[in-house]
Amino acid sequence: MQEQLDALMADFFERPLPPLTPRRLRLPWLPGKIDTVTGMRRSGKTFFLYQRIGELLSAGAPRESVLYLSFEDERLLPLGPADLHVIPETFYRRYPAMKRRPCSFFFDEIQNVQGWERFCRRLIDTERLHLCLTGSSSRLLGREIATSLRGRAIETEVFPFDFEEALAHGGVPLERGPRPGSETVALLENRLGAYLVAGGFPEVQGMEPSLRTRVLQEYVDVVLLRDVIERHGLVNTTALRQLVRHLLAAPGASFSVHRFYNDLRSRGVAVAKDTLHAALDHLAEAFLLFTVPVHSRSERARMVNPRKVYPIDTGLARAMSRQPRADESRLLETLVFLDLRRQRYEVDYLLTRRGREVDFVATTAEGEPSLVQVTTSLREPETRARELEALREAMAELSLREGTVVTLHEDETIEDEQGRIRVVPAWRFLLRHLYPVG
């Protein structure tokens, strides 16, 4: 194993860092803390590590003070708990001067090795180094880190490209400033339409649509096989695949395990309810999707009411849909949800006392809520009345004086006795850190 590790380290130190599109994320990089980077496979975690490595080198860190290892490299197999100690031994044997200097170790997909938790804890307790880990399972790099590393880790989620990152990747860099002119707005609306369908997975940017669909479907297959079926020992793969297609093809829809269970039974698919509940949890743990509860102070109400389900990416939803045309309304709602989730809001949906629905209650870490409604357009009088009335009722019930409606193109401000409602085009909502709303 030492020989393989020595070869991998030599390769890393000789190989230049690959070109990349910078992500807007930043690692906390706190002294005494392990940085954990989580997210779905192919969302860009590895290149995010390369970005951080490049930042360290640009700041003056010696090249030999930084180590990157991927634990999905077949040359490390079979690597067991008893072999992990060979990693620092091999590193310091190659660069003995680094024993006295701060170093940074980046371990990609570390959860593939049993015993990684104790090894990592011992490493940061005994060596002068900062440790950064990635993984594709929120359970492994969530609950288990919390218990095994005892508060020593801090998590950063990596999503596929957001809208600004996708624009930069496609050669459309933007700068903070006043509202852009009509030519730029037209370009942003055009790119948003493409982003809505293609999504943000880095590898598929610019791909021909049929090839992109195949690649994204393969992503789903890999997650199911590696992060759900193999990891959790699921045997009813027929029910699992039907569950996944149902959830990804209907982003933003309410989902009831009970109703889906009855639907499978009516089609002759045998499965236990507990299996479906567990599968839903496993899919969320693998970052393939998110579930959103109803907004309520009652925990029972949050448990009893159906949850809404959103995929990690609109491109995945489009790739898994059997419909020839994308449902722009559902995809737009998904984009807004993912943006709120990226900003680390706690996100619920709300049912008013009169039964009207508001898509999102986004609550900050400090407990401050805001309301966001999503619709492709308010031009139709019936749609306008329905969406605005639901928002006004929610504003009254939550004692809020402002609400937001995100549309594809419309931009206006509505003020009445209930308060102020800002109608914002989606490109501006997604880029509000550059072009402030209001």
Protein backbone atom coordinates (compact mmCIF):
# COMPACT_ATOMS: atom_id res chain seq x y z
CA MET A 1 0.00 0.00 0.00
CA GLN A 2 2.87 2.39 0.72
CA GLU A 3 4.12 2.00 -2.85
CA GLN A 4 0.69 2.85 -4.29
CA LEU A 5 0.35 5.87 -2.01
CA ASP A 6 3.80 7.09 -2.92
CA ALA A 7 2.91 6.88 -6.63
CA LEU A 8 -0.39 8.71 -6.11
CA MET A 9 1.33 11.49 -4.17
CA ALA A 10 4.02 11.84 -6.84
CA ASP A 11 1.33 12.11 -9.51
CA PHE A 12 -0.54 14.79 -7.57
CA PHE A 13 2.51 16.94 -6.93
CA GLU A 14 3.61 16.78 -10.57
CA ARG A 15 0.20 17.34 -12.11
CA PRO A 16 -1.02 20.94 -12.60
CA LEU A 17 -4.41 21.82 -11.18
CA PRO A 18 -7.14 21.59 -13.83
CA PRO A 19 -8.87 24.72 -15.17
CA LEU A 20 -12.20 25.31 -13.47
CA THR A 21 -15.15 27.64 -13.13
CA PRO A 22 -14.88 29.25 -9.66
CA ARG A 23 -17.73 28.48 -7.32
CA ARG A 24 -19.26 31.20 -5.16
CA LEU A 25 -18.94 28.98 -2.08
CA ARG A 26 -16.29 29.49 0.54
CA LEU A 27 -15.11 26.98 3.11
CA PRO A 28 -15.17 28.22 6.72
CA TRP A 29 -11.58 26.94 7.22
CA LEU A 30 -11.70 27.44 10.98
CA PRO A 31 -8.74 26.44 13.17
CA GLY A 32 -9.32 23.11 14.86
CA LYS A 33 -12.30 22.23 12.64
CA ILE A 34 -12.54 19.63 9.89
CA ASP A 35 -14.17 21.03 6.74
CA THR A 36 -16.62 18.53 5.24
CA VAL A 37 -17.89 19.06 1.70
CA THR A 38 -21.09 17.19 0.86
CA GLY A 39 -23.32 16.95 -2.17
CA MET A 40 -24.61 14.67 -4.87
CA ARG A 41 -22.17 12.88 -7.13
CA ARG A 42 -21.01 14.94 -10.14
CA SER A 43 -22.09 18.22 -8.55
CA GLY A 44 -18.52 19.55 -8.51
CA LYS A 45 -17.13 18.65 -5.07
CA THR A 46 -13.74 17.54 -6.39
CA PHE A 47 -13.23 20.68 -8.45
CA PHE A 48 -14.31 22.73 -5.44
CA LEU A 49 -11.43 21.11 -3.55
CA TYR A 50 -9.10 22.01 -6.43
CA GLN A 51 -10.37 25.58 -6.18
CA ARG A 52 -9.45 25.70 -2.48
CA ILE A 53 -6.06 24.12 -3.19
CA GLY A 54 -5.42 26.81 -5.80
CA GLU A 55 -6.36 29.51 -3.30
CA LEU A 56 -3.90 28.11 -0.77
CA LEU A 57 -1.09 27.99 -3.32
CA SER A 58 -1.86 31.53 -4.52
CA ALA A 59 -1.65 32.69 -0.91
CA GLY A 60 1.89 31.33 -0.66
CA ALA A 61 1.46 27.80 0.70
CA PRO A 62 4.25 25.49 -0.55
CA ARG A 63 3.07 22.93 -3.11
CA GLU A 64 4.38 20.09 -0.95
CA SER A 65 2.27 21.25 2.03
CA VAL A 66 -0.98 20.27 0.26
CA LEU A 67 -2.11 16.67 -0.29
CA TYR A 68 -5.13 15.46 -2.27
CA LEU A 69 -6.28 11.82 -2.35
CA SER A 70 -9.37 10.32 -3.95
CA PHE A 71 -10.62 7.22 -2.17
CA GLU A 72 -12.47 6.18 -5.32
CA ASP A 73 -9.12 5.58 -7.04
CA GLU A 74 -8.85 1.84 -7.70
CA ARG A 75 -5.13 1.98 -6.95
CA LEU A 76 -5.99 2.43 -3.26
CA LEU A 77 -7.96 -0.83 -3.15
CA PRO A 78 -8.19 -2.69 -0.91
CA LEU A 79 -7.62 0.04 1.67
CA GLY A 80 -8.81 -0.88 5.15
CA PRO A 81 -8.76 0.76 8.59
CA ALA A 82 -5.38 -0.76 9.39
CA ASP A 83 -3.85 0.89 6.30
CA LEU A 84 -4.94 4.48 6.93
CA HIS A 85 -1.96 5.32 9.12
CA VAL A 86 0.27 4.73 6.08
CA ILE A 87 -1.06 7.94 4.46
CA PRO A 88 0.59 10.48 6.83
CA GLU A 89 3.65 8.25 7.23
CA THR A 90 4.19 8.18 3.46
CA PHE A 91 3.55 11.91 3.13
CA TYR A 92 6.02 12.93 5.86
CA ARG A 93 8.59 10.45 4.57
CA ARG A 94 8.46 12.22 1.21
CA TYR A 95 8.49 15.72 2.75
CA PRO A 96 10.00 15.54 6.26
CA ALA A 97 10.25 19.35 6.51
CA MET A 98 6.44 19.54 6.40
CA LYS A 99 6.27 17.81 9.79
CA ARG A 100 7.10 21.20 11.34
CA ARG A 101 4.87 23.31 9.09
CA PRO A 102 1.09 23.64 8.70
CA CYS A 103 -0.25 21.35 5.98
CA SER A 104 -3.61 20.75 4.32
CA PHE A 105 -4.96 17.29 3.51
CA PHE A 106 -7.92 16.88 1.12
CA PHE A 107 -9.60 13.45 1.20
CA ASP A 108 -12.20 12.90 -1.54
CA GLU A 109 -15.05 10.39 -0.88
CA ILE A 110 -13.41 9.32 2.36
CA GLN A 111 -16.53 7.45 3.48
CA ASN A 112 -15.54 4.58 1.18
CA VAL A 113 -13.05 3.41 3.81
CA GLN A 114 -14.23 1.87 7.07
CA GLY A 115 -12.75 3.47 10.17
CA TRP A 116 -12.19 6.85 8.51
CA GLU A 117 -13.78 8.74 11.44
CA ARG A 118 -11.25 7.68 14.07
CA PHE A 119 -8.38 8.12 11.65
CA CYS A 120 -9.38 11.69 10.80
CA ARG A 121 -9.89 12.61 14.42
CA ARG A 122 -6.48 11.25 15.37
CA LEU A 123 -4.91 13.07 12.45
CA ILE A 124 -6.11 16.53 13.46
CA ASP A 125 -5.33 15.82 17.11
CA THR A 126 -1.73 14.76 16.49
CA GLU A 127 -0.52 16.60 13.38
CA ARG A 128 -0.20 20.23 12.33
CA LEU A 129 -2.67 20.15 9.50
CA HIS A 130 -6.09 21.22 8.30
CA LEU A 131 -8.34 18.44 7.07
CA CYS A 132 -10.98 18.72 4.35
CA LEU A 133 -13.25 15.77 3.49
CA THR A 134 -15.87 15.16 0.82
CA GLY A 135 -18.67 12.63 0.65
CA SER A 136 -21.86 11.86 -1.28
CA SER A 137 -23.92 10.80 1.72
CA SER A 138 -25.42 13.32 4.11
CA ARG A 139 -25.79 10.57 6.72
CA LEU A 140 -22.10 9.68 6.64
CA LEU A 141 -20.98 13.30 6.68
CA GLY A 142 -23.77 14.48 8.95
CA ARG A 143 -24.95 12.27 11.75
CA GLU A 144 -21.81 10.14 11.89
CA ILE A 145 -19.45 13.11 11.86
CA ALA A 146 -21.50 14.71 14.63
CA THR A 147 -21.13 11.60 16.79
CA SER A 148 -17.68 10.35 15.80
CA LEU A 149 -15.87 13.68 15.54
CA ARG A 150 -17.70 15.28 18.48
CA GLY A 151 -18.25 18.75 17.15
CA ARG A 152 -14.93 18.96 15.33
CA ALA A 153 -16.46 19.23 11.83
CA ILE A 154 -18.30 21.94 9.92
CA GLU A 155 -20.26 21.14 6.73
CA THR A 156 -20.46 22.93 3.39
CA GLU A 157 -22.95 21.71 0.77
CA VAL A 158 -22.01 21.81 -2.90
CA PHE A 159 -24.87 22.02 -5.38
CA PRO A 160 -24.66 21.94 -9.18
CA PHE A 161 -23.91 25.35 -10.71
CA ASP A 162 -26.26 28.13 -9.69
CA PHE A 163 -27.42 30.55 -12.38
CA GLU A 164 -24.49 32.95 -11.98
CA GLU A 165 -21.96 30.10 -12.05
CA ALA A 166 -23.61 28.62 -15.14
CA LEU A 167 -23.41 32.04 -16.82
CA ALA A 168 -19.72 32.35 -15.94
CA HIS A 169 -19.06 28.83 -17.22
CA GLY A 170 -20.76 29.79 -20.47
CA GLY A 171 -18.66 32.93 -20.87
CA VAL A 172 -21.11 35.50 -19.47
CA PRO A 173 -19.41 37.06 -16.42
CA LEU A 174 -21.42 39.62 -14.46
CA GLU A 175 -20.50 42.43 -12.09
CA ARG A 176 -22.43 44.00 -9.25
CA GLY A 177 -24.15 47.21 -10.24
CA PRO A 178 -27.44 48.91 -11.15
CA ARG A 179 -30.13 47.21 -13.16
CA PRO A 180 -28.65 46.04 -16.49
CA GLY A 181 -29.77 47.42 -19.83
CA SER A 182 -32.25 45.84 -22.20
CA GLU A 183 -29.62 43.96 -24.22
CA THR A 184 -28.21 42.29 -21.11
CA VAL A 185 -31.71 41.56 -19.78
CA ALA A 186 -32.60 39.84 -23.07
CA LEU A 187 -29.43 37.73 -22.82
CA LEU A 188 -30.15 36.82 -19.20
CA GLU A 189 -33.71 35.78 -20.02
CA ASN A 190 -32.46 33.66 -22.90
CA ARG A 191 -29.82 31.94 -20.75
CA LEU A 192 -32.33 31.41 -17.95
CA GLY A 193 -34.61 29.54 -20.32
CA ALA A 194 -31.75 27.22 -21.26
CA TYR A 195 -30.63 26.83 -17.63
CA LEU A 196 -34.18 25.97 -16.59
CA VAL A 197 -34.11 22.90 -18.84
CA ALA A 198 -30.42 21.93 -18.75
CA GLY A 199 -29.80 22.49 -15.04
CA GLY A 200 -26.44 23.14 -13.46
CA PHE A 201 -24.41 19.92 -13.43
CA PRO A 202 -20.99 21.08 -14.66
CA GLU A 203 -20.30 18.22 -17.07
CA VAL A 204 -23.49 18.67 -19.12
CA GLN A 205 -23.20 22.41 -19.72
CA GLY A 206 -23.41 23.00 -23.46
CA MET A 207 -24.18 19.36 -24.30
CA GLU A 208 -26.56 18.46 -27.10
CA PRO A 209 -29.98 17.80 -25.48
CA SER A 210 -30.34 14.07 -26.20
CA LEU A 211 -26.81 13.34 -24.96
CA ARG A 212 -27.38 15.52 -21.89
CA THR A 213 -30.51 13.52 -21.07
CA ARG A 214 -28.58 10.24 -21.27
CA VAL A 215 -25.77 11.54 -19.07
CA LEU A 216 -28.16 12.88 -16.42
CA GLN A 217 -30.10 9.61 -16.40
CA GLU A 218 -26.80 7.80 -15.81
CA TYR A 219 -26.15 10.10 -12.84
CA VAL A 220 -29.42 8.95 -11.32
CA ASP A 221 -28.56 5.30 -11.99
CA VAL A 222 -25.18 5.66 -10.27
CA VAL A 223 -26.71 7.31 -7.21
CA LEU A 224 -29.32 4.57 -6.96
CA LEU A 225 -26.77 1.79 -7.32
CA ARG A 226 -23.89 3.15 -5.25
CA ASP A 227 -25.57 5.36 -2.64
CA VAL A 228 -28.89 3.59 -2.11
CA ILE A 229 -29.02 -0.04 -3.29
CA GLU A 230 -25.46 -1.12 -2.40
CA ARG A 231 -25.08 1.03 0.71
CA HIS A 232 -28.44 0.18 2.27
CA GLY A 233 -29.00 -3.30 0.86
CA LEU A 234 -32.30 -2.52 -0.87
CA VAL A 235 -33.60 -5.48 -2.86
CA ASN A 236 -36.89 -4.14 -4.26
CA THR A 237 -35.27 -2.18 -7.07
CA THR A 238 -38.44 -2.11 -9.17
CA ALA A 239 -40.35 -0.11 -6.57
CA LEU A 240 -37.31 2.10 -5.94
CA ARG A 241 -36.90 3.03 -9.59
CA GLN A 242 -40.59 3.78 -9.98
CA LEU A 243 -40.44 5.94 -6.86
CA VAL A 244 -37.47 7.89 -8.22
CA ARG A 245 -39.02 8.48 -11.63
CA HIS A 246 -42.28 9.58 -10.00
CA LEU A 247 -40.54 12.06 -7.69
CA LEU A 248 -38.07 13.53 -10.18
CA ALA A 249 -40.61 13.87 -12.97
CA ALA A 250 -42.99 15.93 -10.81
CA PRO A 251 -40.84 18.53 -9.02
CA GLY A 252 -42.68 20.58 -6.43
CA ALA A 253 -45.61 18.17 -6.20
CA SER A 254 -47.01 16.96 -2.88
CA PHE A 255 -46.07 13.39 -2.11
CA SER A 256 -47.77 10.86 0.13
CA VAL A 257 -46.15 7.49 0.74
CA HIS A 258 -49.60 6.06 1.47
CA ARG A 259 -51.04 7.19 -1.87
CA PHE A 260 -47.97 6.02 -3.80
CA TYR A 261 -48.08 2.66 -2.01
CA ASN A 262 -51.70 2.19 -3.09
CA ASP A 263 -50.83 3.21 -6.65
CA LEU A 264 -48.06 0.59 -6.81
CA ARG A 265 -50.37 -2.08 -5.45
CA SER A 266 -53.00 -1.25 -8.09
CA ARG A 267 -50.33 -1.86 -10.73
CA GLY A 268 -49.26 -5.17 -9.20
CA VAL A 269 -45.98 -3.93 -7.66
CA ALA A 270 -45.50 -5.47 -4.23
CA VAL A 271 -43.69 -3.30 -1.67
CA ALA A 272 -43.97 -2.51 2.03
CA LYS A 273 -44.80 1.01 3.21
CA ASP A 274 -41.79 0.98 5.50
CA THR A 275 -39.60 0.22 2.50
CA LEU A 276 -40.94 3.30 0.70
CA HIS A 277 -40.40 5.51 3.75
CA ALA A 278 -36.83 4.23 4.07
CA ALA A 279 -36.16 4.67 0.35
CA LEU A 280 -37.34 8.29 0.50
CA ASP A 281 -34.92 8.94 3.36
CA HIS A 282 -32.07 7.25 1.47
CA LEU A 283 -32.68 9.34 -1.64
CA ALA A 284 -32.54 12.52 0.45
CA GLU A 285 -29.37 11.31 2.17
CA ALA A 286 -27.77 10.87 -1.26
CA PHE A 287 -28.72 14.50 -2.12
CA LEU A 288 -30.86 13.40 -5.05
CA LEU A 289 -33.87 15.28 -3.69
CA PHE A 290 -35.22 17.40 -0.84
CA THR A 291 -38.51 17.11 1.03
CA VAL A 292 -40.30 20.24 2.24
CA PRO A 293 -42.83 20.13 5.11
CA VAL A 294 -45.85 22.34 5.71
CA HIS A 295 -45.18 25.47 7.78
CA SER A 296 -46.58 24.92 11.26
CA ARG A 297 -45.56 25.19 14.89
CA SER A 298 -47.19 21.81 15.44
CA GLU A 299 -44.76 18.97 14.85
CA ARG A 300 -47.73 16.65 14.34
CA ALA A 301 -49.06 18.88 11.54
CA ARG A 302 -45.64 18.85 9.89
CA MET A 303 -45.56 15.05 10.07
CA VAL A 304 -49.16 14.39 8.98
CA ASN A 305 -49.41 16.77 6.01
CA PRO A 306 -47.88 15.63 2.69
CA ARG A 307 -44.43 16.93 1.90
CA LYS A 308 -43.45 18.61 -1.33
CA VAL A 309 -40.46 17.08 -3.11
CA TYR A 310 -37.83 18.90 -5.16
CA PRO A 311 -34.90 17.37 -7.10
CA ILE A 312 -31.34 18.60 -6.65
CA ASP A 313 -31.39 19.98 -10.20
CA THR A 314 -33.96 20.98 -12.82
CA GLY A 315 -31.96 19.15 -15.49
CA LEU A 316 -32.48 15.87 -13.66
CA ALA A 317 -36.21 16.53 -13.48
CA ARG A 318 -36.34 17.19 -17.22
CA ALA A 319 -34.22 14.13 -18.02
CA MET A 320 -36.49 11.83 -15.99
CA SER A 321 -39.77 13.21 -17.36
CA ARG A 322 -41.75 11.36 -20.02
CA GLN A 323 -43.42 14.59 -21.14
CA PRO A 324 -42.16 15.98 -24.47
CA ARG A 325 -42.18 19.55 -23.12
CA ALA A 326 -40.87 20.80 -19.82
CA ASP A 327 -43.37 22.09 -17.24
CA GLU A 328 -41.90 25.58 -16.89
CA SER A 329 -43.94 26.35 -13.79
CA ARG A 330 -42.62 23.34 -11.84
CA LEU A 331 -39.06 23.87 -13.04
CA LEU A 332 -39.16 27.55 -12.07
CA GLU A 333 -40.49 26.66 -8.62
CA THR A 334 -37.62 24.17 -8.26
CA LEU A 335 -35.05 26.81 -9.25
CA VAL A 336 -36.36 29.19 -6.60
CA PHE A 337 -36.39 26.45 -3.95
CA LEU A 338 -32.79 25.47 -4.74
CA ASP A 339 -31.70 29.11 -4.56
CA LEU A 340 -33.27 29.48 -1.11
CA ARG A 341 -31.72 26.19 0.00
CA ARG A 342 -28.29 27.32 -1.22
CA GLN A 343 -28.66 30.44 0.93
CA ARG A 344 -29.21 28.13 3.93
CA TYR A 345 -32.80 29.17 4.57
CA GLU A 346 -35.08 26.73 6.32
CA VAL A 347 -37.79 26.25 3.70
CA ASP A 348 -41.43 25.22 4.25
CA TYR A 349 -44.60 25.60 2.21
CA LEU A 350 -47.65 27.26 3.74
CA LEU A 351 -51.37 26.52 3.69
CA THR A 352 -53.44 29.48 4.82
CA ARG A 353 -56.45 29.02 7.10
CA ARG A 354 -58.65 29.22 4.00
CA GLY A 355 -56.65 26.48 2.27
CA ARG A 356 -54.65 28.62 -0.16
CA GLU A 357 -51.04 27.64 -0.77
CA VAL A 358 -47.92 29.80 -0.72
CA ASP A 359 -44.93 28.03 -2.21
CA PHE A 360 -42.24 29.01 0.29
CA VAL A 361 -41.78 30.33 3.79
CA ALA A 362 -38.02 30.96 3.89
CA THR A 363 -36.74 31.38 7.44
CA THR A 364 -33.28 32.65 8.33
CA ALA A 365 -31.09 31.12 11.03
CA GLU A 366 -32.22 34.01 13.24
CA GLY A 367 -35.87 32.98 12.80
CA GLU A 368 -36.93 35.76 10.40
CA PRO A 369 -39.47 34.48 7.82
CA SER A 370 -40.17 35.76 4.33
CA LEU A 371 -42.77 34.65 1.79
CA VAL A 372 -42.05 33.68 -1.82
CA GLN A 373 -44.68 32.71 -4.38
CA VAL A 374 -43.69 31.33 -7.79
CA THR A 375 -45.65 31.42 -11.06
CA THR A 376 -44.55 31.73 -14.65
CA SER A 377 -46.82 34.75 -15.24
CA LEU A 378 -49.45 36.96 -13.61
CA ARG A 379 -50.93 38.09 -16.92
CA GLU A 380 -54.04 35.92 -16.69
CA PRO A 381 -56.55 37.62 -14.33
CA GLU A 382 -57.54 34.33 -12.68
CA THR A 383 -53.92 33.40 -11.99
CA ARG A 384 -53.11 36.89 -10.72
CA ALA A 385 -56.04 36.89 -8.31
CA ARG A 386 -55.25 33.38 -7.02
CA GLU A 387 -51.53 33.90 -6.45
CA LEU A 388 -51.77 37.37 -4.92
CA GLU A 389 -54.69 36.51 -2.65
CA ALA A 390 -52.83 33.49 -1.24
CA LEU A 391 -49.80 35.69 -0.59
CA ARG A 392 -51.88 38.41 1.08
CA GLU A 393 -53.55 35.87 3.37
CA ALA A 394 -50.16 34.45 4.35
CA MET A 395 -48.75 37.92 5.00
CA ALA A 396 -51.67 38.66 7.32
CA GLU A 397 -51.33 35.34 9.18
CA LEU A 398 -47.58 35.74 9.68
CA SER A 399 -47.81 39.51 10.38
CA LEU A 400 -45.52 40.34 7.47
CA ARG A 401 -45.70 43.54 5.45
CA GLU A 402 -43.80 42.25 2.41
CA GLY A 403 -44.00 39.30 0.04
CA THR A 404 -42.36 38.28 -3.24
CA VAL A 405 -43.74 36.75 -6.42
CA VAL A 406 -41.15 35.29 -8.81
CA THR A 407 -42.22 35.11 -12.47
CA LEU A 408 -40.37 34.48 -15.71
CA HIS A 409 -40.49 38.05 -17.04
CA GLU A 410 -42.71 40.44 -15.07
CA ASP A 411 -41.38 43.18 -12.82
CA GLU A 412 -43.65 45.41 -10.73
CA THR A 413 -44.44 46.50 -7.18
CA ILE A 414 -47.95 46.21 -5.73
CA GLU A 415 -48.85 48.18 -2.62
CA ASP A 416 -52.12 48.05 -0.72
CA GLU A 417 -53.42 47.95 2.86
CA GLN A 418 -51.85 44.51 3.39
CA GLY A 419 -48.37 45.72 2.52
CA ARG A 420 -45.96 45.52 -0.41
CA ILE A 421 -45.67 42.68 -2.92
CA ARG A 422 -42.69 42.71 -5.24
CA VAL A 423 -43.16 40.89 -8.54
CA VAL A 424 -39.67 39.96 -9.71
CA PRO A 425 -38.40 38.29 -12.90
CA ALA A 426 -36.57 35.04 -12.14
CA TRP A 427 -33.21 36.19 -13.54
CA ARG A 428 -33.23 39.12 -11.13
CA PHE A 429 -34.32 37.03 -8.14
CA LEU A 430 -31.51 34.54 -8.78
CA LEU A 431 -28.99 37.39 -9.22
CA ARG A 432 -30.32 39.63 -6.44
CA HIS A 433 -26.90 39.74 -4.77
CA LEU A 434 -25.69 41.55 -7.91
CA TYR A 435 -28.83 43.51 -8.80
CA PRO A 436 -30.71 44.19 -5.52
CA VAL A 437 -34.49 43.83 -5.59
CA GLY A 438 -36.37 46.90 -4.35
